[in-house]
Amino acid sequence: MLSALPLSFVTIVETGSITRAADELGLAKSAVSQNLKRLEQQLGIKLAVRTTRQLSLTPAGERYYKRCKDIVTLSAQAATEMEAFGATPSGPIKITAPHALIAPIIAPAMASVLRQFPELEPTVIADDARLDLVAERIDVAITAGHLPDSNLRVRKVGSLRDILCVAPSLSADAPPSDGLDFAQWVQGLPYIAHMREPSTVTHTIPNKDPTKALTLKFHPSFRCNTLDAMAACAREGLGIALLPDLRVMQEIKDGSLVRLCRLLLPEPTPIYALHTYDTLVPRSVQETITAVQTALSNHVV
C-alpha cells in the first residue's frame, strides 16, 4: 500500500491547499497538515511555503513532487493491473454524470455494483458540464450527445429521446395532435426553454398527411438553467417544455406531466461511458459501465 505521506503531499500540490487535499482524501485537515510536517521532518528539508492565501513549493519540493507523482502513478497502475487480472474490486472509484441521470440511472447502477462489490468506495459527481477526467481523477464519465475528438475510451451505453411535456391542466382542451388545429393551439402555450435553447425553438411533429410534417415554432417566455428546474415549472403549469425521457419518466408515470405529442425530430441522443484506461481496464470500471447500461435499458418511457 502506498505510504500516506507521499500521497498526501501529491494531493496537497495538485489541489492547491491542505483544506482541499483533506476533502479529496477524506481526512481531517489537521491530519493532512501533520502528514506534510512529518514528511518534511523525515527528509530534513522544507517542501512548501504556506501562507493564509496560498501554498507554494520550494525548489526541493518541486523535485520531490515529481518523484512522488511517479510513485502515485505507478501504484495506481499496479492496482489497475491486479484488478484487471481478477482481483476483487475495492477502494475508491469516481463517477460523474449529468444531474438528470443521477436518480434514475446512476444511483440504481451503483447500488447494483455495491451489492456485488461492497468494498468499493464510490464518489458520484453530478455535473452537467463535461469534466476533465485526468485533472479531476475521474474513473468513469457518463455523458449524452456529440463527443469531440479525444484520446478517451468510449462505449455507447444507451440513448435518450426528448419529449414535449405539459401539465395535465394545460392539455385538457388539446385538439388531436396530428392537424393544423393542434399546431395553432400548442403554439399559443407558453414555452419553457433551457438556457442553451435558441431564441426561436422549432419542433417537427406528424401530420394527417404523412407527406407533410407540421412545424411548430416557439419564442420562449420562460428560461431555466437546469432540467430539474424546467420540469418543476412544467409541473406547475407554467408552460410546455422539451425534456429527456429519462428525466421525466416518473412524472409521466404518476401523471404530473403528460406527453403532448410525438416528435419527428430530433433523433435519439446517444449516451456514452468514457474513461481514460487503455488495455487494462479495472474491473470496477467495467462493472460500473455495464451496470449503467443495464439501468438505461430498464428505463424506457
Protein backbone atom coordinates (compact mmCIF):
# COMPACT_ATOMS: atom_id res chain seq x y z
CA MET A 1 0.00 0.00 0.00
CA LEU A 2 1.27 3.46 -0.85
CA SER A 3 2.53 5.44 2.15
CA ALA A 4 0.14 8.14 3.33
CA LEU A 5 2.88 10.78 3.35
CA PRO A 6 3.77 10.89 -0.39
CA LEU A 7 0.10 10.54 -1.31
CA SER A 8 -0.85 13.43 0.99
CA PHE A 9 1.94 15.57 -0.46
CA VAL A 10 0.92 14.91 -4.08
CA THR A 11 -2.72 15.64 -3.28
CA ILE A 12 -1.80 18.90 -1.49
CA VAL A 13 0.18 20.06 -4.52
CA GLU A 14 -2.45 19.08 -7.08
CA THR A 15 -5.41 20.53 -5.19
CA GLY A 16 -3.51 23.66 -4.19
CA SER A 17 -4.32 23.63 -0.48
CA ILE A 18 -4.37 21.46 2.61
CA THR A 19 -8.11 22.02 3.02
CA ARG A 20 -8.96 20.77 -0.48
CA ALA A 21 -6.49 17.90 -0.12
CA ALA A 22 -8.24 16.85 3.10
CA ASP A 23 -11.58 16.83 1.27
CA GLU A 24 -10.10 14.80 -1.59
CA LEU A 25 -8.52 12.23 0.75
CA GLY A 26 -11.41 12.09 3.19
CA LEU A 27 -9.17 13.07 6.09
CA ALA A 28 -9.20 15.78 8.71
CA LYS A 29 -7.38 18.97 7.74
CA SER A 30 -5.14 18.58 10.78
CA ALA A 31 -4.14 15.07 9.71
CA VAL A 32 -3.08 16.23 6.23
CA SER A 33 -1.17 19.16 7.70
CA GLN A 34 0.58 16.81 10.12
CA ASN A 35 1.48 14.46 7.27
CA LEU A 36 3.24 17.31 5.49
CA LYS A 37 5.14 18.27 8.66
CA ARG A 38 6.20 14.66 9.28
CA LEU A 39 7.38 14.31 5.69
CA GLU A 40 9.49 17.47 5.96
CA GLN A 41 10.93 16.26 9.27
CA GLN A 42 11.83 12.87 7.80
CA LEU A 43 13.52 14.44 4.80
CA GLY A 44 15.10 17.27 6.74
CA ILE A 45 14.08 19.84 4.08
CA LYS A 46 11.36 22.41 3.54
CA LEU A 47 9.00 21.26 0.80
CA ALA A 48 6.41 24.02 0.79
CA VAL A 49 5.82 27.55 2.00
CA ARG A 50 2.33 28.12 3.37
CA THR A 51 0.57 31.44 3.76
CA THR A 52 -3.05 32.24 4.58
CA ARG A 53 -3.84 32.51 0.86
CA GLN A 54 -1.67 30.01 -0.96
CA LEU A 55 0.82 27.19 -0.83
CA SER A 56 3.94 27.26 -2.98
CA LEU A 57 6.66 24.67 -3.41
CA THR A 58 10.32 25.20 -2.70
CA PRO A 59 12.78 24.04 -5.39
CA ALA A 60 13.32 20.87 -3.36
CA GLY A 61 9.56 20.48 -3.07
CA GLU A 62 9.14 20.77 -6.84
CA ARG A 63 11.65 17.98 -7.42
CA TYR A 64 10.25 15.79 -4.66
CA TYR A 65 6.71 16.25 -6.02
CA LYS A 66 7.75 14.90 -9.43
CA ARG A 67 9.23 11.79 -7.78
CA CYS A 68 6.19 11.28 -5.56
CA LYS A 69 3.88 11.73 -8.55
CA ASP A 70 5.71 8.90 -10.28
CA ILE A 71 5.21 6.72 -7.20
CA VAL A 72 1.50 7.51 -7.02
CA THR A 73 1.06 6.82 -10.75
CA LEU A 74 2.92 3.51 -10.56
CA SER A 75 0.92 2.47 -7.52
CA ALA A 76 -2.35 3.21 -9.32
CA GLN A 77 -1.16 1.30 -12.38
CA ALA A 78 -0.21 -1.68 -10.21
CA ALA A 79 -3.64 -1.70 -8.59
CA THR A 80 -5.29 -1.47 -12.02
CA GLU A 81 -3.25 -4.41 -13.32
CA MET A 82 -4.12 -6.57 -10.32
CA GLU A 83 -7.81 -5.74 -10.68
CA ALA A 84 -7.70 -6.42 -14.41
CA PHE A 85 -6.20 -9.84 -13.62
CA GLY A 86 -9.15 -10.75 -11.45
CA ALA A 87 -8.68 -9.17 -8.03
CA THR A 88 -11.95 -8.26 -6.31
CA PRO A 89 -12.72 -4.56 -6.93
CA SER A 90 -12.24 -2.41 -3.85
CA GLY A 91 -11.31 1.11 -2.85
CA PRO A 92 -12.25 4.46 -4.41
CA ILE A 93 -13.98 4.88 -7.76
CA LYS A 94 -15.12 8.29 -9.01
CA ILE A 95 -18.06 8.69 -11.40
CA THR A 96 -19.52 11.81 -12.98
CA ALA A 97 -22.84 12.21 -14.81
CA PRO A 98 -25.40 14.91 -15.59
CA HIS A 99 -27.85 15.80 -12.81
CA ALA A 100 -30.79 14.31 -14.72
CA LEU A 101 -29.20 10.84 -14.80
CA ILE A 102 -28.26 10.55 -11.14
CA ALA A 103 -31.59 9.45 -9.64
CA PRO A 104 -32.97 7.23 -12.43
CA ILE A 105 -29.69 5.67 -13.65
CA ILE A 106 -26.51 6.24 -11.65
CA ALA A 107 -27.93 5.60 -8.17
CA PRO A 108 -29.52 2.22 -9.04
CA ALA A 109 -26.47 1.24 -11.10
CA MET A 110 -24.10 1.92 -8.20
CA ALA A 111 -26.43 0.12 -5.79
CA SER A 112 -26.18 -2.93 -8.05
CA VAL A 113 -22.38 -2.71 -8.21
CA LEU A 114 -22.03 -2.28 -4.45
CA ARG A 115 -24.19 -5.31 -3.72
CA GLN A 116 -21.67 -7.33 -5.69
CA PHE A 117 -18.54 -5.49 -4.51
CA PRO A 118 -19.22 -3.94 -1.08
CA GLU A 119 -15.59 -2.87 -0.60
CA LEU A 120 -15.81 -0.26 -3.36
CA GLU A 121 -15.93 3.38 -2.21
CA PRO A 122 -17.78 5.38 -4.90
CA THR A 123 -17.76 9.13 -5.27
CA VAL A 124 -20.51 10.46 -7.55
CA ILE A 125 -20.19 13.95 -9.04
CA ALA A 126 -23.37 15.40 -10.54
CA ASP A 127 -22.35 17.96 -13.14
CA ASP A 128 -23.94 18.87 -16.47
CA ALA A 129 -20.53 20.06 -17.72
CA ARG A 130 -18.04 17.58 -19.16
CA LEU A 131 -15.26 17.44 -16.61
CA ASP A 132 -11.59 16.77 -17.31
CA LEU A 133 -11.23 13.10 -16.38
CA VAL A 134 -7.48 13.31 -15.89
CA ALA A 135 -7.38 16.54 -13.88
CA GLU A 136 -10.36 15.51 -11.72
CA ARG A 137 -9.16 11.91 -11.34
CA ILE A 138 -12.44 10.55 -12.62
CA ASP A 139 -12.71 6.86 -13.45
CA VAL A 140 -15.98 6.87 -15.40
CA ALA A 141 -17.91 9.71 -17.03
CA ILE A 142 -21.44 9.26 -18.35
CA THR A 143 -22.42 11.89 -20.91
CA ALA A 144 -25.01 12.45 -23.62
CA GLY A 145 -24.73 13.94 -27.09
CA HIS A 146 -21.97 14.60 -29.58
CA LEU A 147 -18.44 13.85 -28.41
CA PRO A 148 -15.43 15.87 -29.52
CA ASP A 149 -12.34 14.02 -30.68
CA SER A 150 -10.17 12.90 -27.76
CA ASN A 151 -7.96 10.09 -26.50
CA LEU A 152 -10.66 8.86 -24.13
CA ARG A 153 -12.06 5.34 -24.42
CA VAL A 154 -15.75 5.49 -25.38
CA ARG A 155 -18.59 2.98 -25.11
CA LYS A 156 -22.19 3.66 -26.08
CA VAL A 157 -24.45 2.55 -23.22
CA GLY A 158 -27.87 3.80 -24.27
CA SER A 159 -29.83 6.73 -25.63
CA LEU A 160 -32.47 9.22 -24.62
CA ARG A 161 -35.30 10.82 -26.53
CA ASP A 162 -36.69 14.27 -25.93
CA ILE A 163 -40.37 14.57 -25.05
CA LEU A 164 -42.57 17.65 -25.35
CA CYS A 165 -44.23 17.71 -21.91
CA VAL A 166 -47.00 19.69 -20.26
CA ALA A 167 -49.06 19.62 -17.07
CA PRO A 168 -52.46 17.90 -17.41
CA SER A 169 -54.21 21.19 -16.59
CA LEU A 170 -52.83 22.76 -19.79
CA SER A 171 -53.57 19.81 -22.06
CA ALA A 172 -57.19 19.20 -21.10
CA ASP A 173 -58.64 21.02 -24.12
CA ALA A 174 -55.98 19.97 -26.65
CA PRO A 175 -57.30 19.07 -30.14
CA PRO A 176 -55.98 15.91 -31.89
CA SER A 177 -52.21 16.20 -32.24
CA ASP A 178 -51.97 15.48 -35.97
CA GLY A 179 -53.60 18.52 -37.52
CA LEU A 180 -53.40 22.26 -38.04
CA ASP A 181 -55.79 22.94 -35.16
CA PHE A 182 -53.32 21.31 -32.79
CA ALA A 183 -50.38 23.23 -34.25
CA GLN A 184 -52.19 26.55 -33.74
CA TRP A 185 -53.32 25.58 -30.23
CA VAL A 186 -49.95 24.36 -28.96
CA GLN A 187 -48.08 27.38 -30.31
CA GLY A 188 -50.33 29.55 -28.17
CA LEU A 189 -48.97 27.95 -24.97
CA PRO A 190 -46.04 29.46 -23.02
CA TYR A 191 -42.75 27.71 -23.76
CA ILE A 192 -40.22 26.84 -21.04
CA ALA A 193 -36.74 26.69 -22.55
CA HIS A 194 -33.32 25.68 -21.35
CA MET A 195 -30.74 28.47 -21.31
CA ARG A 196 -28.97 26.73 -24.20
CA GLU A 197 -32.02 26.69 -26.49
CA PRO A 198 -32.16 29.40 -29.18
CA SER A 199 -34.43 32.45 -29.20
CA THR A 200 -36.74 30.66 -31.65
CA VAL A 201 -37.34 26.98 -30.96
CA THR A 202 -38.59 24.70 -33.75
CA HIS A 203 -40.12 21.23 -33.45
CA THR A 204 -41.45 18.91 -36.14
CA ILE A 205 -44.50 16.70 -35.50
CA PRO A 206 -46.58 14.27 -37.62
CA ASN A 207 -49.45 15.46 -39.81
CA LYS A 208 -52.60 13.69 -41.00
CA ASP A 209 -50.96 13.87 -44.40
CA PRO A 210 -47.77 11.79 -43.84
CA THR A 211 -46.00 13.60 -46.69
CA LYS A 212 -46.33 16.99 -44.96
CA ALA A 213 -44.99 17.23 -41.45
CA LEU A 214 -46.09 20.09 -39.20
CA THR A 215 -43.53 22.61 -37.97
CA LEU A 216 -44.05 24.23 -34.58
CA LYS A 217 -42.25 27.46 -33.69
CA PHE A 218 -41.98 28.90 -30.19
CA HIS A 219 -40.49 32.03 -28.68
CA PRO A 220 -39.57 31.03 -25.11
CA SER A 221 -41.31 33.04 -22.41
CA PHE A 222 -39.52 31.29 -19.53
CA ARG A 223 -35.93 30.03 -19.27
CA CYS A 224 -34.14 27.74 -16.80
CA ASN A 225 -30.54 26.59 -16.48
CA THR A 226 -31.28 23.00 -15.36
CA LEU A 227 -33.61 20.23 -16.50
CA ASP A 228 -34.90 19.85 -12.93
CA ALA A 229 -35.98 23.49 -12.91
CA MET A 230 -37.68 23.10 -16.29
CA ALA A 231 -39.57 20.02 -15.10
CA ALA A 232 -40.67 21.78 -11.91
CA CYS A 233 -42.00 24.76 -13.86
CA ALA A 234 -43.81 22.49 -16.31
CA ARG A 235 -45.44 20.56 -13.44
CA GLU A 236 -46.78 23.86 -12.11
CA GLY A 237 -48.48 24.57 -15.43
CA LEU A 238 -46.18 27.43 -16.43
CA GLY A 239 -45.86 26.13 -19.97
CA ILE A 240 -44.64 23.28 -22.15
CA ALA A 241 -41.05 22.02 -22.09
CA LEU A 242 -38.81 19.71 -24.09
CA LEU A 243 -37.28 17.26 -21.61
CA PRO A 244 -35.36 13.96 -21.87
CA ASP A 245 -37.46 10.86 -21.31
CA LEU A 246 -35.13 9.65 -18.56
CA ARG A 247 -35.69 12.87 -16.63
CA VAL A 248 -39.48 12.90 -16.78
CA MET A 249 -40.36 9.20 -16.78
CA GLN A 250 -41.51 9.33 -13.16
CA GLU A 251 -43.67 12.41 -13.75
CA ILE A 252 -45.24 10.75 -16.78
CA LYS A 253 -45.91 7.58 -14.79
CA ASP A 254 -47.55 9.44 -11.89
CA GLY A 255 -49.47 11.78 -14.21
CA SER A 256 -47.99 15.08 -13.08
CA LEU A 257 -46.76 15.57 -16.66
CA VAL A 258 -48.11 14.21 -19.93
CA ARG A 259 -46.52 13.69 -23.32
CA LEU A 260 -48.03 16.37 -25.52
CA CYS A 261 -47.30 14.91 -28.94
CA ARG A 262 -44.85 12.74 -30.83
CA LEU A 263 -41.82 14.49 -32.29
CA LEU A 264 -40.34 13.51 -35.64
CA LEU A 265 -37.04 15.16 -34.80
CA PRO A 266 -34.51 15.10 -33.30
CA GLU A 267 -33.23 11.54 -33.38
CA PRO A 268 -32.49 9.85 -30.04
CA THR A 269 -29.44 11.28 -28.30
CA PRO A 270 -26.70 8.71 -27.61
CA ILE A 271 -25.40 8.23 -24.08
CA TYR A 272 -21.75 7.27 -23.67
CA ALA A 273 -19.47 5.99 -20.94
CA LEU A 274 -15.94 7.44 -21.07
CA HIS A 275 -12.74 6.51 -19.27
CA THR A 276 -9.01 7.03 -19.63
CA TYR A 277 -7.81 3.43 -19.25
CA ASP A 278 -6.11 1.73 -22.18
CA THR A 279 -5.83 -2.06 -22.39
CA LEU A 280 -6.01 -2.84 -18.66
CA VAL A 281 -9.42 -1.55 -17.64
CA PRO A 282 -10.13 -2.06 -13.93
CA ARG A 283 -12.93 -4.49 -13.23
CA SER A 284 -14.63 -1.82 -11.11
CA VAL A 285 -14.83 0.44 -14.17
CA GLN A 286 -16.09 -2.38 -16.39
CA GLU A 287 -18.76 -3.41 -13.87
CA THR A 288 -19.88 0.19 -13.35
CA ILE A 289 -20.30 0.81 -17.07
CA THR A 290 -22.21 -2.46 -17.51
CA ALA A 291 -24.49 -1.57 -14.59
CA VAL A 292 -25.21 1.85 -16.11
CA GLN A 293 -26.02 0.22 -19.44
CA THR A 294 -28.40 -2.20 -17.71
CA ALA A 295 -30.10 0.62 -15.80
CA LEU A 296 -30.60 2.54 -19.03
CA SER A 297 -32.12 -0.45 -20.79
CA ASN A 298 -34.56 -0.89 -17.89
CA HIS A 299 -35.87 2.67 -18.16
CA VAL A 300 -37.63 3.23 -21.43
CA VAL A 301 -40.64 5.55 -21.32
